[in-house]
Amino acid sequence: MDASFLEGVDASKRRWHEPSAQQKGITPVYRWTGPGRDGLEVAYGTSESKPNTATVREVWRQRHGHRAAPLLLAVTYVAGQRSRAVLCGPAGDDPLVVDLDSDLAERMVAAALSEPDRHSAIRFLSEALEGEPEEHPGLRNKGLFATHELLYGVPKRDDWDAATARSWPLLGRSGQDLVRGLGYEIDQRARHSVLRSSEDRAQAVAVFLQEREQADQPSSRFENQTPVSYALYHADRDNIPWVLAERSGTVRLYSTSTSGAAGQRGRTETFVELNLPLLPTDQAGYLDLLLALPVKMESPSALRSSTGRS
């Protein structure tokens, strides 16, 4: 039994008793409940070997019991010298099942439990678990870049190691503290901010979101528009090329123009996202190369070229 899983997480914690799980080779350990009505439940157990998908889903369904509260089942096991975790959930008739390094899985589960309500938790987990979450944790590209170049070309750049060294101290920051660490001066407006270089050049419009706000969901604080639509409007009006949306250490970068972008989506659906709580330290260079303001300011075209933007 690994009692250290999610140790220190601020959520209601109880022992988990599930005889049917025990019969299927999964030893129940603890369960946690997230905030809000019908908050996310996390049920954690261990197994002597990797449980198969059918078994995990069966245990998930038995525990979930068609309740309104979403459920994430986490089962850790040892493969060779490595600790792994199978995650299942958080909702649906055929919930997602993924196999991850246990450290990544633990950080992902902790981040989900910190969401303010079940809707936010479901959204976070659905996005975090899509695709191959272990291959590039904390990095999500939605058409703003050529994915292959972003994932395999950028880490081979000559300045990758230096960018990683500059960025890793920022991984624990969020909000305006993070943005200032990236080299920007913040010009606060009523509902948004303008990010400027030390030469007072406007580089991006930024929106700093509250816990219950999402970049692509309408908010009364942003005149009943989505925060990113609101920010893009002001960026267009003031001829500013980029938009940043930040929420609890997750940062999205949007372009005011999708011409040349790798995808064919609309502007509000075209972005790259860094989820800093999930981004590995050795991948921190993305923060500097995609979002930071260099000490010696490059032109926007040079910055786009250096990061694979067309």
C-alpha atoms as a PDB file:
ATOM      1  CA  MET A   1       0.000   0.000   0.000  1.00  0.00           C
ATOM      2  CA  ASP A   2       1.370   3.425  -1.003  1.00  0.00           C
ATOM      3  CA  ALA A   3       0.001   5.878   1.561  1.00  0.00           C
ATOM      4  CA  SER A   4       2.078   8.730   0.089  1.00  0.00           C
ATOM      5  CA  PHE A   5      -0.086   9.117  -3.030  1.00  0.00           C
ATOM      6  CA  LEU A   6      -1.570  12.647  -3.013  1.00  0.00           C
ATOM      7  CA  GLU A   7       0.034  13.297   0.360  1.00  0.00           C
ATOM      8  CA  GLY A   8      -0.529  16.913   1.337  1.00  0.00           C
ATOM      9  CA  VAL A   9      -3.384  17.523  -1.124  1.00  0.00           C
ATOM     10  CA  ASP A  10      -6.013  19.813   0.361  1.00  0.00           C
ATOM     11  CA  ALA A  11      -9.138  17.703  -0.162  1.00  0.00           C
ATOM     12  CA  SER A  12     -11.450  15.607   1.992  1.00  0.00           C
ATOM     13  CA  LYS A  13      -9.767  12.209   2.449  1.00  0.00           C
ATOM     14  CA  ARG A  14     -11.218   8.914   3.675  1.00  0.00           C
ATOM     15  CA  ARG A  15     -10.358   5.250   3.562  1.00  0.00           C
ATOM     16  CA  TRP A  16     -11.779   3.496   0.521  1.00  0.00           C
ATOM     17  CA  HIS A  17     -13.480   0.134   1.069  1.00  0.00           C
ATOM     18  CA  GLU A  18     -14.581  -1.741  -2.041  1.00  0.00           C
ATOM     19  CA  PRO A  19     -14.730  -5.560  -1.734  1.00  0.00           C
ATOM     20  CA  SER A  20     -15.528  -5.980  -5.435  1.00  0.00           C
ATOM     21  CA  ALA A  21     -12.314  -4.153  -6.378  1.00  0.00           C
ATOM     22  CA  GLN A  22     -10.309  -6.399  -4.055  1.00  0.00           C
ATOM     23  CA  GLN A  23     -11.761  -9.440  -5.795  1.00  0.00           C
ATOM     24  CA  LYS A  24     -10.446  -8.118  -9.117  1.00  0.00           C
ATOM     25  CA  GLY A  25      -6.903  -7.631  -7.894  1.00  0.00           C
ATOM     26  CA  ILE A  26      -7.101  -3.942  -6.960  1.00  0.00           C
ATOM     27  CA  THR A  27      -6.477  -3.109  -3.308  1.00  0.00           C
ATOM     28  CA  PRO A  28      -8.519  -0.040  -2.269  1.00  0.00           C
ATOM     29  CA  VAL A  29      -6.584   2.536  -0.232  1.00  0.00           C
ATOM     30  CA  TYR A  30      -8.054   6.062  -0.046  1.00  0.00           C
ATOM     31  CA  ARG A  31     -10.629   8.286  -1.682  1.00  0.00           C
ATOM     32  CA  TRP A  32     -10.779  12.070  -1.911  1.00  0.00           C
ATOM     33  CA  THR A  33     -13.629  14.463  -2.675  1.00  0.00           C
ATOM     34  CA  GLY A  34     -13.099  17.757  -4.478  1.00  0.00           C
ATOM     35  CA  PRO A  35     -14.949  21.030  -3.827  1.00  0.00           C
ATOM     36  CA  GLY A  36     -18.462  21.975  -4.869  1.00  0.00           C
ATOM     37  CA  ARG A  37     -21.733  20.124  -5.051  1.00  0.00           C
ATOM     38  CA  ASP A  38     -21.205  16.573  -6.376  1.00  0.00           C
ATOM     39  CA  GLY A  39     -17.482  17.320  -6.468  1.00  0.00           C
ATOM     40  CA  LEU A  40     -14.970  15.100  -8.208  1.00  0.00           C
ATOM     41  CA  GLU A  41     -14.206  11.887  -6.335  1.00  0.00           C
ATOM     42  CA  VAL A  42     -10.807  10.263  -6.671  1.00  0.00           C
ATOM     43  CA  ALA A  43     -10.569   6.609  -5.648  1.00  0.00           C
ATOM     44  CA  TYR A  44      -7.040   5.293  -5.263  1.00  0.00           C
ATOM     45  CA  GLY A  45      -5.868   1.694  -5.104  1.00  0.00           C
ATOM     46  CA  THR A  46      -2.842  -0.460  -5.837  1.00  0.00           C
ATOM     47  CA  SER A  47      -2.241  -3.582  -7.882  1.00  0.00           C
ATOM     48  CA  GLU A  48       0.610  -6.084  -8.059  1.00  0.00           C
ATOM     49  CA  SER A  49       0.611  -5.812 -11.862  1.00  0.00           C
ATOM     50  CA  LYS A  50      -0.943  -3.606 -14.524  1.00  0.00           C
ATOM     51  CA  PRO A  51      -4.725  -4.083 -14.476  1.00  0.00           C
ATOM     52  CA  ASN A  52      -6.344  -4.458 -17.877  1.00  0.00           C
ATOM     53  CA  THR A  53      -8.754  -1.889 -19.305  1.00  0.00           C
ATOM     54  CA  ALA A  54     -11.865  -4.040 -18.864  1.00  0.00           C
ATOM     55  CA  THR A  55     -11.106  -4.625 -15.182  1.00  0.00           C
ATOM     56  CA  VAL A  56     -10.416  -0.962 -14.495  1.00  0.00           C
ATOM     57  CA  ARG A  57     -13.629   0.137 -16.189  1.00  0.00           C
ATOM     58  CA  GLU A  58     -15.619  -2.482 -14.312  1.00  0.00           C
ATOM     59  CA  VAL A  59     -14.256  -1.252 -10.964  1.00  0.00           C
ATOM     60  CA  TRP A  60     -14.897   2.350 -12.057  1.00  0.00           C
ATOM     61  CA  ARG A  61     -18.525   1.599 -12.959  1.00  0.00           C
ATOM     62  CA  GLN A  62     -19.089  -0.299  -9.701  1.00  0.00           C
ATOM     63  CA  ARG A  63     -17.782   2.638  -7.668  1.00  0.00           C
ATOM     64  CA  HIS A  64     -19.453   5.343  -9.751  1.00  0.00           C
ATOM     65  CA  GLY A  65     -22.909   3.793  -9.693  1.00  0.00           C
ATOM     66  CA  HIS A  66     -24.391   6.380 -12.087  1.00  0.00           C
ATOM     67  CA  ARG A  67     -23.988   9.199  -9.549  1.00  0.00           C
ATOM     68  CA  ALA A  68     -23.875  12.841 -10.586  1.00  0.00           C
ATOM     69  CA  ALA A  69     -20.373  13.242  -9.148  1.00  0.00           C
ATOM     70  CA  PRO A  70     -17.568  12.459 -11.601  1.00  0.00           C
ATOM     71  CA  LEU A  71     -15.123   9.752 -10.565  1.00  0.00           C
ATOM     72  CA  LEU A  72     -11.439   9.302 -11.330  1.00  0.00           C
ATOM     73  CA  LEU A  73     -10.012   5.901 -10.471  1.00  0.00           C
ATOM     74  CA  ALA A  74      -6.230   5.738  -9.983  1.00  0.00           C
ATOM     75  CA  VAL A  75      -4.423   2.408  -9.628  1.00  0.00           C
ATOM     76  CA  THR A  76      -0.659   2.315  -9.129  1.00  0.00           C
ATOM     77  CA  TYR A  77       1.578  -0.662  -9.850  1.00  0.00           C
ATOM     78  CA  VAL A  78       5.271  -1.362 -10.366  1.00  0.00           C
ATOM     79  CA  ALA A  79       6.681  -2.277 -13.788  1.00  0.00           C
ATOM     80  CA  GLY A  80      10.343  -3.201 -13.524  1.00  0.00           C
ATOM     81  CA  GLN A  81      11.946  -0.385 -11.557  1.00  0.00           C
ATOM     82  CA  ARG A  82       9.254   2.150 -12.429  1.00  0.00           C
ATOM     83  CA  SER A  83       6.071   3.126 -10.645  1.00  0.00           C
ATOM     84  CA  ARG A  84       3.131   3.469 -13.007  1.00  0.00           C
ATOM     85  CA  ALA A  85      -0.523   4.445 -12.657  1.00  0.00           C
ATOM     86  CA  VAL A  86      -3.653   3.604 -14.600  1.00  0.00           C
ATOM     87  CA  LEU A  87      -6.257   6.372 -14.576  1.00  0.00           C
ATOM     88  CA  CYS A  88      -9.903   5.839 -15.497  1.00  0.00           C
ATOM     89  CA  GLY A  89     -12.618   8.479 -15.745  1.00  0.00           C
ATOM     90  CA  PRO A  90     -14.003  10.936 -15.099  1.00  0.00           C
ATOM     91  CA  ALA A  91     -17.411  10.339 -16.740  1.00  0.00           C
ATOM     92  CA  GLY A  92     -19.291   8.589 -19.541  1.00  0.00           C
ATOM     93  CA  ASP A  93     -20.363   5.078 -20.411  1.00  0.00           C
ATOM     94  CA  ASP A  94     -16.845   4.196 -21.591  1.00  0.00           C
ATOM     95  CA  PRO A  95     -14.541   6.397 -19.515  1.00  0.00           C
ATOM     96  CA  LEU A  96     -11.019   7.112 -20.690  1.00  0.00           C
ATOM     97  CA  VAL A  97      -8.313   4.704 -19.498  1.00  0.00           C
ATOM     98  CA  VAL A  98      -4.667   5.808 -19.700  1.00  0.00           C
ATOM     99  CA  ASP A  99      -1.415   4.390 -18.359  1.00  0.00           C
ATOM    100  CA  LEU A 100       1.064   7.000 -17.070  1.00  0.00           C
ATOM    101  CA  ASP A 101       4.179   7.477 -15.009  1.00  0.00           C
ATOM    102  CA  SER A 102       2.892   7.657 -11.441  1.00  0.00           C
ATOM    103  CA  ASP A 103       4.506  11.036 -10.770  1.00  0.00           C
ATOM    104  CA  LEU A 104       2.733  12.607 -13.745  1.00  0.00           C
ATOM    105  CA  ALA A 105      -0.521  10.872 -12.788  1.00  0.00           C
ATOM    106  CA  GLU A 106      -0.270  12.169  -9.228  1.00  0.00           C
ATOM    107  CA  ARG A 107       0.276  15.769 -10.362  1.00  0.00           C
ATOM    108  CA  MET A 108      -2.621  15.470 -12.798  1.00  0.00           C
ATOM    109  CA  VAL A 109      -4.975  14.121 -10.119  1.00  0.00           C
ATOM    110  CA  ALA A 110      -3.902  16.816  -7.640  1.00  0.00           C
ATOM    111  CA  ALA A 111      -4.580  19.517 -10.235  1.00  0.00           C
ATOM    112  CA  ALA A 112      -8.041  18.058 -10.919  1.00  0.00           C
ATOM    113  CA  LEU A 113      -8.909  18.051  -7.208  1.00  0.00           C
ATOM    114  CA  SER A 114      -7.933  21.725  -6.996  1.00  0.00           C
ATOM    115  CA  GLU A 115     -10.579  22.706  -9.568  1.00  0.00           C
ATOM    116  CA  PRO A 116     -13.451  24.674  -7.987  1.00  0.00           C
ATOM    117  CA  ASP A 117     -16.310  22.373  -9.062  1.00  0.00           C
ATOM    118  CA  ARG A 118     -17.113  19.135 -10.845  1.00  0.00           C
ATOM    119  CA  HIS A 119     -17.664  20.807 -14.218  1.00  0.00           C
ATOM    120  CA  SER A 120     -14.201  22.361 -14.148  1.00  0.00           C
ATOM    121  CA  ALA A 121     -12.668  19.077 -12.995  1.00  0.00           C
ATOM    122  CA  ILE A 122     -14.304  17.119 -15.833  1.00  0.00           C
ATOM    123  CA  ARG A 123     -13.129  19.685 -18.342  1.00  0.00           C
ATOM    124  CA  PHE A 124      -9.567  19.679 -17.017  1.00  0.00           C
ATOM    125  CA  LEU A 125      -9.295  15.890 -17.027  1.00  0.00           C
ATOM    126  CA  SER A 126     -10.873  15.483 -20.459  1.00  0.00           C
ATOM    127  CA  GLU A 127      -8.328  17.902 -21.917  1.00  0.00           C
ATOM    128  CA  ALA A 128      -5.365  16.596 -19.906  1.00  0.00           C
ATOM    129  CA  LEU A 129      -6.006  12.965 -20.833  1.00  0.00           C
ATOM    130  CA  GLU A 130      -6.699  13.472 -24.544  1.00  0.00           C
ATOM    131  CA  GLY A 131      -4.232  12.134 -27.102  1.00  0.00           C
ATOM    132  CA  GLU A 132      -1.026  10.779 -25.564  1.00  0.00           C
ATOM    133  CA  PRO A 133      -0.752  12.723 -22.282  1.00  0.00           C
ATOM    134  CA  GLU A 134       2.477  11.045 -21.182  1.00  0.00           C
ATOM    135  CA  GLU A 135       4.339  11.836 -24.404  1.00  0.00           C
ATOM    136  CA  HIS A 136       4.083  15.611 -24.009  1.00  0.00           C
ATOM    137  CA  PRO A 137       2.556  16.414 -20.605  1.00  0.00           C
ATOM    138  CA  GLY A 138       1.596  20.010 -20.026  1.00  0.00           C
ATOM    139  CA  LEU A 139       1.808  20.980 -23.710  1.00  0.00           C
ATOM    140  CA  ARG A 140      -1.238  21.186 -25.988  1.00  0.00           C
ATOM    141  CA  ASN A 141      -1.154  22.559 -29.518  1.00  0.00           C
ATOM    142  CA  LYS A 142      -4.443  23.401 -31.211  1.00  0.00           C
ATOM    143  CA  GLY A 143      -3.355  24.380 -34.693  1.00  0.00           C
ATOM    144  CA  LEU A 144      -1.202  27.411 -33.892  1.00  0.00           C
ATOM    145  CA  PHE A 145       2.018  25.598 -34.821  1.00  0.00           C
ATOM    146  CA  ALA A 146       3.133  22.683 -36.935  1.00  0.00           C
ATOM    147  CA  THR A 147       2.896  20.001 -34.264  1.00  0.00           C
ATOM    148  CA  HIS A 148       5.863  17.926 -35.406  1.00  0.00           C
ATOM    149  CA  GLU A 149       8.164  20.958 -35.462  1.00  0.00           C
ATOM    150  CA  LEU A 150       6.909  22.105 -32.071  1.00  0.00           C
ATOM    151  CA  LEU A 151       7.402  18.707 -30.433  1.00  0.00           C
ATOM    152  CA  TYR A 152      10.593  17.518 -32.097  1.00  0.00           C
ATOM    153  CA  GLY A 153      12.241  20.511 -33.757  1.00  0.00           C
ATOM    154  CA  VAL A 154      12.086  23.075 -30.960  1.00  0.00           C
ATOM    155  CA  PRO A 155      13.904  20.921 -28.334  1.00  0.00           C
ATOM    156  CA  LYS A 156      16.821  20.569 -30.802  1.00  0.00           C
ATOM    157  CA  ARG A 157      17.378  24.317 -31.024  1.00  0.00           C
ATOM    158  CA  ASP A 158      20.760  25.655 -29.949  1.00  0.00           C
ATOM    159  CA  ASP A 159      19.105  27.840 -27.304  1.00  0.00           C
ATOM    160  CA  TRP A 160      16.878  25.096 -25.837  1.00  0.00           C
ATOM    161  CA  ASP A 161      19.076  24.378 -22.807  1.00  0.00           C
ATOM    162  CA  ALA A 162      19.441  28.068 -21.980  1.00  0.00           C
ATOM    163  CA  ALA A 163      15.690  28.578 -22.376  1.00  0.00           C
ATOM    164  CA  THR A 164      15.013  25.634 -20.056  1.00  0.00           C
ATOM    165  CA  ALA A 165      17.383  27.028 -17.422  1.00  0.00           C
ATOM    166  CA  ARG A 166      15.663  30.428 -17.581  1.00  0.00           C
ATOM    167  CA  SER A 167      12.195  28.936 -17.375  1.00  0.00           C
ATOM    168  CA  TRP A 168      12.299  26.246 -14.695  1.00  0.00           C
ATOM    169  CA  PRO A 169      12.254  28.754 -11.769  1.00  0.00           C
ATOM    170  CA  LEU A 170       8.950  30.081 -13.199  1.00  0.00           C
ATOM    171  CA  LEU A 171       7.095  26.750 -13.242  1.00  0.00           C
ATOM    172  CA  GLY A 172       5.615  27.335  -9.779  1.00  0.00           C
ATOM    173  CA  ARG A 173       4.308  30.813 -10.573  1.00  0.00           C
ATOM    174  CA  SER A 174       0.903  31.909 -11.825  1.00  0.00           C
ATOM    175  CA  GLY A 175      -1.058  35.039 -12.695  1.00  0.00           C
ATOM    176  CA  GLN A 176       0.672  38.379 -12.969  1.00  0.00           C
ATOM    177  CA  ASP A 177       3.675  37.059 -11.059  1.00  0.00           C
ATOM    178  CA  LEU A 178       4.301  34.548 -13.852  1.00  0.00           C
ATOM    179  CA  VAL A 179       3.847  37.117 -16.608  1.00  0.00           C
ATOM    180  CA  ARG A 180       6.255  39.561 -14.968  1.00  0.00           C
ATOM    181  CA  GLY A 181       8.748  36.727 -14.673  1.00  0.00           C
ATOM    182  CA  LEU A 182       8.479  36.283 -18.429  1.00  0.00           C
ATOM    183  CA  GLY A 183       9.775  39.828 -18.868  1.00  0.00           C
ATOM    184  CA  TYR A 184       6.626  41.862 -19.405  1.00  0.00           C
ATOM    185  CA  GLU A 185       5.430  45.088 -17.860  1.00  0.00           C
ATOM    186  CA  ILE A 186       1.694  44.976 -17.153  1.00  0.00           C
ATOM    187  CA  ASP A 187      -0.533  47.880 -18.132  1.00  0.00           C
ATOM    188  CA  GLN A 188      -3.757  47.129 -16.248  1.00  0.00           C
ATOM    189  CA  ARG A 189      -7.065  48.090 -17.886  1.00  0.00           C
ATOM    190  CA  ALA A 190     -10.636  47.623 -16.650  1.00  0.00           C
ATOM    191  CA  ARG A 191     -11.010  43.937 -17.576  1.00  0.00           C
ATOM    192  CA  HIS A 192      -7.801  43.109 -19.392  1.00  0.00           C
ATOM    193  CA  SER A 193      -4.129  43.999 -19.390  1.00  0.00           C
ATOM    194  CA  VAL A 194      -1.682  45.058 -22.074  1.00  0.00           C
ATOM    195  CA  LEU A 195       1.712  43.386 -21.838  1.00  0.00           C
ATOM    196  CA  ARG A 196       4.566  45.674 -22.806  1.00  0.00           C
ATOM    197  CA  SER A 197       8.297  45.400 -23.328  1.00  0.00           C
ATOM    198  CA  SER A 198      10.719  47.610 -21.419  1.00  0.00           C
ATOM    199  CA  GLU A 199      10.680  49.866 -24.520  1.00  0.00           C
ATOM    200  CA  ASP A 200       6.909  50.290 -23.911  1.00  0.00           C
ATOM    201  CA  ARG A 201       5.962  48.293 -27.005  1.00  0.00           C
ATOM    202  CA  ALA A 202       2.579  46.586 -26.707  1.00  0.00           C
ATOM    203  CA  GLN A 203       3.176  42.861 -27.261  1.00  0.00           C
ATOM    204  CA  ALA A 204      -0.016  41.121 -26.151  1.00  0.00           C
ATOM    205  CA  VAL A 205      -3.419  41.574 -24.573  1.00  0.00           C
ATOM    206  CA  ALA A 206      -3.723  39.415 -21.459  1.00  0.00           C
ATOM    207  CA  VAL A 207      -6.721  38.208 -19.491  1.00  0.00           C
ATOM    208  CA  PHE A 208      -6.159  36.769 -16.008  1.00  0.00           C
ATOM    209  CA  LEU A 209      -8.996  34.388 -15.260  1.00  0.00           C
ATOM    210  CA  GLN A 210     -10.578  33.539 -11.950  1.00  0.00           C
ATOM    211  CA  GLU A 211     -10.931  29.915 -10.819  1.00  0.00           C
ATOM    212  CA  ARG A 212     -14.461  29.499 -12.122  1.00  0.00           C
ATOM    213  CA  GLU A 213     -13.753  31.148 -15.478  1.00  0.00           C
ATOM    214  CA  GLN A 214     -12.628  29.426 -18.664  1.00  0.00           C
ATOM    215  CA  ALA A 215     -10.992  31.094 -21.648  1.00  0.00           C
ATOM    216  CA  ASP A 216     -13.659  29.819 -24.038  1.00  0.00           C
ATOM    217  CA  GLN A 217     -16.770  30.063 -21.844  1.00  0.00           C
ATOM    218  CA  PRO A 218     -18.889  33.270 -21.617  1.00  0.00           C
ATOM    219  CA  SER A 219     -18.319  35.318 -18.475  1.00  0.00           C
ATOM    220  CA  SER A 220     -20.276  38.252 -17.075  1.00  0.00           C
ATOM    221  CA  ARG A 221     -16.961  39.840 -16.109  1.00  0.00           C
ATOM    222  CA  PHE A 222     -16.119  40.086 -19.816  1.00  0.00           C
ATOM    223  CA  GLU A 223     -19.440  41.574 -20.961  1.00  0.00           C
ATOM    224  CA  ASN A 224     -20.960  38.087 -21.392  1.00  0.00           C
ATOM    225  CA  GLN A 225     -18.376  37.221 -24.026  1.00  0.00           C
ATOM    226  CA  THR A 226     -15.760  34.528 -23.724  1.00  0.00           C
ATOM    227  CA  PRO A 227     -12.582  36.022 -22.229  1.00  0.00           C
ATOM    228  CA  VAL A 228     -10.565  35.166 -25.330  1.00  0.00           C
ATOM    229  CA  SER A 229     -13.119  36.783 -27.672  1.00  0.00           C
ATOM    230  CA  TYR A 230     -13.057  39.882 -25.478  1.00  0.00           C
ATOM    231  CA  ALA A 231      -9.249  39.954 -25.552  1.00  0.00           C
ATOM    232  CA  LEU A 232      -9.066  39.395 -29.312  1.00  0.00           C
ATOM    233  CA  TYR A 233     -11.444  42.309 -29.875  1.00  0.00           C
ATOM    234  CA  HIS A 234      -9.203  44.655 -27.888  1.00  0.00           C
ATOM    235  CA  ALA A 235      -6.078  43.276 -29.542  1.00  0.00           C
ATOM    236  CA  ASP A 236      -7.605  43.924 -32.981  1.00  0.00           C
ATOM    237  CA  ARG A 237      -8.668  47.415 -31.992  1.00  0.00           C
ATOM    238  CA  ASP A 238      -5.199  48.350 -30.747  1.00  0.00           C
ATOM    239  CA  ASN A 239      -3.283  46.425 -33.430  1.00  0.00           C
ATOM    240  CA  ILE A 240      -1.604  44.074 -30.928  1.00  0.00           C
ATOM    241  CA  PRO A 241      -0.545  40.704 -32.418  1.00  0.00           C
ATOM    242  CA  TRP A 242      -1.001  38.257 -29.529  1.00  0.00           C
ATOM    243  CA  VAL A 243      -3.417  37.320 -26.751  1.00  0.00           C
ATOM    244  CA  LEU A 244      -2.521  35.495 -23.528  1.00  0.00           C
ATOM    245  CA  ALA A 245      -5.119  33.862 -21.287  1.00  0.00           C
ATOM    246  CA  GLU A 246      -3.866  32.685 -17.882  1.00  0.00           C
ATOM    247  CA  ARG A 247      -5.670  30.640 -15.235  1.00  0.00           C
ATOM    248  CA  SER A 248      -4.000  29.010 -12.221  1.00  0.00           C
ATOM    249  CA  GLY A 249      -0.683  28.418 -13.972  1.00  0.00           C
ATOM    250  CA  THR A 250      -2.180  27.348 -17.294  1.00  0.00           C
ATOM    251  CA  VAL A 251      -1.349  29.766 -20.112  1.00  0.00           C
ATOM    252  CA  ARG A 252      -2.793  29.893 -23.610  1.00  0.00           C
ATOM    253  CA  LEU A 253      -1.315  31.879 -26.486  1.00  0.00           C
ATOM    254  CA  TYR A 254      -3.548  33.038 -29.343  1.00  0.00           C
ATOM    255  CA  SER A 255      -2.740  34.980 -32.497  1.00  0.00           C
ATOM    256  CA  THR A 256      -4.928  37.827 -33.755  1.00  0.00           C
ATOM    257  CA  SER A 257      -4.456  36.365 -37.224  1.00  0.00           C
ATOM    258  CA  THR A 258      -4.727  32.698 -38.112  1.00  0.00           C
ATOM    259  CA  SER A 259      -3.172  33.225 -41.558  1.00  0.00           C
ATOM    260  CA  GLY A 260      -0.277  30.814 -41.768  1.00  0.00           C
ATOM    261  CA  ALA A 261      -1.318  28.887 -38.684  1.00  0.00           C
ATOM    262  CA  ALA A 262      -0.971  25.118 -38.924  1.00  0.00           C
ATOM    263  CA  GLY A 263      -4.658  24.427 -38.284  1.00  0.00           C
ATOM    264  CA  GLN A 264      -7.830  25.541 -40.023  1.00  0.00           C
ATOM    265  CA  ARG A 265      -9.844  26.442 -36.926  1.00  0.00           C
ATOM    266  CA  GLY A 266     -11.220  29.856 -36.021  1.00  0.00           C
ATOM    267  CA  ARG A 267      -9.104  32.239 -33.969  1.00  0.00           C
ATOM    268  CA  THR A 268     -10.639  31.323 -30.617  1.00  0.00           C
ATOM    269  CA  GLU A 269      -9.964  27.622 -31.283  1.00  0.00           C
ATOM    270  CA  THR A 270      -6.368  28.112 -32.452  1.00  0.00           C
ATOM    271  CA  PHE A 271      -3.860  28.266 -29.624  1.00  0.00           C
ATOM    272  CA  VAL A 272      -0.989  26.620 -27.828  1.00  0.00           C
ATOM    273  CA  GLU A 273      -1.375  25.862 -24.128  1.00  0.00           C
ATOM    274  CA  LEU A 274       1.176  25.265 -21.395  1.00  0.00           C
ATOM    275  CA  ASN A 275      -0.107  23.707 -18.184  1.00  0.00           C
ATOM    276  CA  LEU A 276       2.758  24.499 -15.829  1.00  0.00           C
ATOM    277  CA  PRO A 277       1.699  22.135 -12.987  1.00  0.00           C
ATOM    278  CA  LEU A 278       2.075  19.255 -15.473  1.00  0.00           C
ATOM    279  CA  LEU A 279       5.035  20.472 -17.559  1.00  0.00           C
ATOM    280  CA  PRO A 280       8.202  18.480 -16.710  1.00  0.00           C
ATOM    281  CA  THR A 281      11.226  20.506 -15.610  1.00  0.00           C
ATOM    282  CA  ASP A 282      13.276  19.334 -18.591  1.00  0.00           C
ATOM    283  CA  GLN A 283      10.543  20.664 -20.906  1.00  0.00           C
ATOM    284  CA  ALA A 284      10.428  24.111 -19.303  1.00  0.00           C
ATOM    285  CA  GLY A 285      12.144  25.641 -22.343  1.00  0.00           C
ATOM    286  CA  TYR A 286       8.765  25.871 -24.049  1.00  0.00           C
ATOM    287  CA  LEU A 287       7.756  28.558 -21.565  1.00  0.00           C
ATOM    288  CA  ASP A 288      10.644  30.813 -22.556  1.00  0.00           C
ATOM    289  CA  LEU A 289      10.606  30.115 -26.296  1.00  0.00           C
ATOM    290  CA  LEU A 290       6.841  30.421 -26.758  1.00  0.00           C
ATOM    291  CA  LEU A 291       5.867  33.080 -24.259  1.00  0.00           C
ATOM    292  CA  ALA A 292       8.801  34.966 -22.751  1.00  0.00           C
ATOM    293  CA  LEU A 293       9.955  38.422 -23.734  1.00  0.00           C
ATOM    294  CA  PRO A 294      13.698  38.267 -24.521  1.00  0.00           C
ATOM    295  CA  VAL A 295      16.011  40.758 -22.824  1.00  0.00           C
ATOM    296  CA  LYS A 296      17.026  42.004 -26.270  1.00  0.00           C
ATOM    297  CA  MET A 297      13.714  42.414 -27.961  1.00  0.00           C
ATOM    298  CA  GLU A 298      13.322  40.534 -31.230  1.00  0.00           C
ATOM    299  CA  SER A 299      10.912  41.721 -33.886  1.00  0.00           C
ATOM    300  CA  PRO A 300       7.598  39.850 -33.942  1.00  0.00           C
ATOM    301  CA  SER A 301       8.535  38.207 -37.266  1.00  0.00           C
ATOM    302  CA  ALA A 302      11.877  36.993 -35.876  1.00  0.00           C
ATOM    303  CA  LEU A 303      10.186  35.681 -32.753  1.00  0.00           C
ATOM    304  CA  ARG A 304       7.637  33.778 -34.829  1.00  0.00           C
ATOM    305  CA  SER A 305      10.370  32.286 -36.995  1.00  0.00           C
ATOM    306  CA  SER A 306      12.443  31.201 -34.026  1.00  0.00           C
ATOM    307  CA  THR A 307       9.544  29.304 -32.466  1.00  0.00           C
ATOM    308  CA  GLY A 308       8.282  27.661 -35.645  1.00  0.00           C
ATOM    309  CA  ARG A 309       5.483  30.157 -36.263  1.00  0.00           C
ATOM    310  CA  SER A 310       4.875  30.911 -39.915  1.00  0.00           C
END
